[in-house]
C-alpha atoms as a PDB file:
ATOM      1  CA  ALA A   1     -11.777  14.901   4.493  1.00  0.00           C
ATOM      2  CA  GLU A   2      -9.498  12.324   4.152  1.00  0.00           C
ATOM      3  CA  PRO A   3      -8.049   8.795   2.565  1.00  0.00           C
ATOM      4  CA  ILE A   4     -10.862   6.763   2.231  1.00  0.00           C
ATOM      5  CA  PHE A   5      -9.875   2.851   1.384  1.00  0.00           C
ATOM      6  CA  ALA A   6     -12.404   0.487  -1.368  1.00  0.00           C
ATOM      7  CA  PHE A   7     -14.251  -1.805   0.708  1.00  0.00           C
ATOM      8  CA  THR A   8     -14.674  -0.124   4.449  1.00  0.00           C
ATOM      9  CA  ALA A   9     -17.366   0.867   6.102  1.00  0.00           C
ATOM     10  CA  VAL A  10     -17.336   5.393   5.662  1.00  0.00           C
ATOM     11  CA  THR A  11     -19.651   8.063   6.915  1.00  0.00           C
ATOM     12  CA  LEU A  12     -20.414  10.974   5.936  1.00  0.00           C
ATOM     13  CA  SER A  13     -19.672  14.462   7.733  1.00  0.00           C
ATOM     14  CA  ALA A  14     -20.053  18.338   6.865  1.00  0.00           C
ATOM     15  CA  ASP A  15     -16.289  17.981   4.876  1.00  0.00           C
ATOM     16  CA  GLY A  16     -16.509  14.471   4.100  1.00  0.00           C
ATOM     17  CA  LEU A  17     -16.074  11.120   4.068  1.00  0.00           C
ATOM     18  CA  HIS A  18     -13.958   9.696   7.027  1.00  0.00           C
ATOM     19  CA  PRO A  19     -13.801   5.729   8.099  1.00  0.00           C
ATOM     20  CA  ALA A  20     -15.918   4.547  10.510  1.00  0.00           C
ATOM     21  CA  ASP A  21     -14.330   4.439  13.820  1.00  0.00           C
ATOM     22  CA  ALA A  22     -16.625   1.951  16.626  1.00  0.00           C
ATOM     23  CA  ALA A  23     -14.635   3.831  18.956  1.00  0.00           C
ATOM     24  CA  THR A  24     -15.757   7.116  17.791  1.00  0.00           C
ATOM     25  CA  ILE A  25     -18.482   7.403  19.098  1.00  0.00           C
ATOM     26  CA  GLY A  26     -19.368  11.050  16.852  1.00  0.00           C
ATOM     27  CA  ALA A  27     -19.730   8.084  14.065  1.00  0.00           C
ATOM     28  CA  SER A  28     -22.667   6.171  15.650  1.00  0.00           C
ATOM     29  CA  ASP A  29     -25.690   5.805  13.118  1.00  0.00           C
ATOM     30  CA  ARG A  30     -23.227   8.209  11.167  1.00  0.00           C
ATOM     31  CA  VAL A  31     -21.951   4.856   8.836  1.00  0.00           C
ATOM     32  CA  LEU A  32     -23.294   5.991   5.365  1.00  0.00           C
ATOM     33  CA  GLY A  33     -22.182   2.822   3.838  1.00  0.00           C
ATOM     34  CA  VAL A  34     -18.917   0.481   2.430  1.00  0.00           C
ATOM     35  CA  SER A  35     -16.236   2.743  -0.104  1.00  0.00           C
ATOM     36  CA  LEU A  36     -16.383   0.727  -3.789  1.00  0.00           C
ATOM     37  CA  THR A  37     -13.064   2.846  -4.518  1.00  0.00           C
ATOM     38  CA  ALA A  38     -10.125   3.885  -3.045  1.00  0.00           C
ATOM     39  CA  GLY A  39      -9.767   8.029  -2.704  1.00  0.00           C
ATOM     40  CA  SER A  40      -7.086  10.618  -1.738  1.00  0.00           C
ATOM     41  CA  THR A  41      -8.346  13.361   0.494  1.00  0.00           C
ATOM     42  CA  GLY A  42     -10.660  15.541  -1.704  1.00  0.00           C
ATOM     43  CA  ASP A  43     -11.352  12.980  -4.893  1.00  0.00           C
ATOM     44  CA  PRO A  44     -14.567  11.083  -5.417  1.00  0.00           C
ATOM     45  CA  VAL A  45     -15.561   7.656  -4.170  1.00  0.00           C
ATOM     46  CA  ARG A  46     -18.217   5.913  -4.387  1.00  0.00           C
ATOM     47  CA  VAL A  47     -20.128   4.120  -2.284  1.00  0.00           C
ATOM     48  CA  LEU A  48     -22.822   1.705  -2.088  1.00  0.00           C
ATOM     49  CA  THR A  49     -25.421   2.860   0.649  1.00  0.00           C
ATOM     50  CA  GLU A  50     -27.811  -0.731   0.229  1.00  0.00           C
ATOM     51  CA  GLY A  51     -26.899  -4.012  -1.993  1.00  0.00           C
ATOM     52  CA  GLU A  52     -24.214  -6.545  -3.084  1.00  0.00           C
ATOM     53  CA  VAL A  53     -20.618  -6.122  -2.937  1.00  0.00           C
ATOM     54  CA  THR A  54     -17.451  -9.081  -4.045  1.00  0.00           C
ATOM     55  CA  ASN A  55     -14.213  -8.264  -2.186  1.00  0.00           C
ATOM     56  CA  THR A  56     -11.710 -10.994  -3.028  1.00  0.00           C
ATOM     57  CA  GLY A  57      -9.908  -9.900  -0.245  1.00  0.00           C
ATOM     58  CA  TRP A  58     -12.877 -10.389   1.575  1.00  0.00           C
ATOM     59  CA  ALA A  59     -13.027 -14.503   3.470  1.00  0.00           C
ATOM     60  CA  PHE A  60     -16.130 -14.380   6.269  1.00  0.00           C
ATOM     61  CA  THR A  61     -18.295 -17.177   6.626  1.00  0.00           C
ATOM     62  CA  GLU A  62     -21.647 -16.818   5.433  1.00  0.00           C
ATOM     63  CA  GLY A  63     -24.715 -15.866   7.173  1.00  0.00           C
ATOM     64  CA  ASP A  64     -21.891 -13.875   9.756  1.00  0.00           C
ATOM     65  CA  LEU A  65     -23.899 -10.472  10.520  1.00  0.00           C
ATOM     66  CA  LEU A  66     -21.120  -7.417  10.033  1.00  0.00           C
ATOM     67  CA  TYR A  67     -20.704  -4.495  11.924  1.00  0.00           C
ATOM     68  CA  VAL A  68     -18.521  -1.480  11.988  1.00  0.00           C
ATOM     69  CA  GLY A  69     -15.178  -1.335  13.488  1.00  0.00           C
ATOM     70  CA  LEU A  70     -12.072   0.116  13.985  1.00  0.00           C
ATOM     71  CA  ASN A  71     -11.265   2.458  11.159  1.00  0.00           C
ATOM     72  CA  GLY A  72     -13.639   1.895   8.584  1.00  0.00           C
ATOM     73  CA  VAL A  73     -13.171  -2.317   8.556  1.00  0.00           C
ATOM     74  CA  ILE A  74     -16.078  -4.496   8.625  1.00  0.00           C
ATOM     75  CA  THR A  75     -16.152  -7.352  10.989  1.00  0.00           C
ATOM     76  CA  PRO A  76     -18.772 -10.179  12.486  1.00  0.00           C
ATOM     77  CA  ALA A  77     -17.048  -8.867  15.932  1.00  0.00           C
ATOM     78  CA  GLN A  78     -18.807  -6.263  17.586  1.00  0.00           C
ATOM     79  CA  VAL A  79     -15.941  -3.946  19.219  1.00  0.00           C
ATOM     80  CA  GLY A  80     -15.646  -0.142  20.341  1.00  0.00           C
ATOM     81  CA  ASP A  81     -17.781   1.923  21.694  1.00  0.00           C
ATOM     82  CA  PHE A  82     -20.521   1.516  20.160  1.00  0.00           C
ATOM     83  CA  CYS A  83     -22.285  -0.905  17.206  1.00  0.00           C
ATOM     84  CA  GLN A  84     -23.655  -0.359  14.228  1.00  0.00           C
ATOM     85  CA  MET A  85     -24.635  -3.681  12.238  1.00  0.00           C
ATOM     86  CA  VAL A  86     -23.041  -2.151   8.161  1.00  0.00           C
ATOM     87  CA  GLY A  87     -24.942  -5.459   6.632  1.00  0.00           C
ATOM     88  CA  TRP A  88     -24.696  -9.641   6.289  1.00  0.00           C
ATOM     89  CA  ALA A  89     -22.106 -11.820   3.996  1.00  0.00           C
ATOM     90  CA  VAL A  90     -24.111 -13.334   1.837  1.00  0.00           C
ATOM     91  CA  ALA A  91     -20.644 -15.236   0.659  1.00  0.00           C
ATOM     92  CA  PRO A  92     -16.624 -15.590   1.665  1.00  0.00           C
ATOM     93  CA  SER A  93     -16.235 -12.980  -0.663  1.00  0.00           C
ATOM     94  CA  LYS A  94     -19.780 -10.892  -0.949  1.00  0.00           C
ATOM     95  CA  ILE A  95     -21.493  -8.853   1.763  1.00  0.00           C
ATOM     96  CA  PHE A  96     -24.890  -6.724   1.674  1.00  0.00           C
ATOM     97  CA  VAL A  97     -24.941  -3.578   2.616  1.00  0.00           C
ATOM     98  CA  ARG A  98     -28.321  -3.097   4.652  1.00  0.00           C
ATOM     99  CA  VAL A  99     -26.968  -0.014   7.385  1.00  0.00           C
ATOM    100  CA  GLY A 100     -28.865  -0.971  11.111  1.00  0.00           C
ATOM    101  CA  ARG A 101     -29.729   1.504  13.807  1.00  0.00           C
ATOM    102  CA  ALA A 102     -25.937   1.814  16.230  1.00  0.00           C
ATOM    103  CA  ILE A 103     -25.985   0.916  19.914  1.00  0.00           C
ATOM    104  CA  LEU A 104     -24.226   2.199  22.640  1.00  0.00           C
ATOM    105  CA  ARG A 105     -22.272  -0.244  24.654  1.00  0.00           C
ATOM    106  CA  SER A 106     -21.483   1.001  28.471  1.00  0.00           C
END
């Protein structure tokens, strides 16, 4: 549906993949997983729905719970209109993906 960067949280809709965005209520409980590859509009993108993924660009603290952020960013901070866990940090550059249920924020 739109360009996707690698190692971002993504949602799936009828028209394709979108970066998950905690500021968009419509994205709550629609997070599919984490993109493993990047792609332009219409290109196939590999998505991990559960399991470990490593990205040398991450610098998390081991044990951090990780959430959907803004524009697909995976973050230890709970931001936006809903809170939805993506997984947890196994090491600074490695996470275990297991998407949780969304909780709307008031």
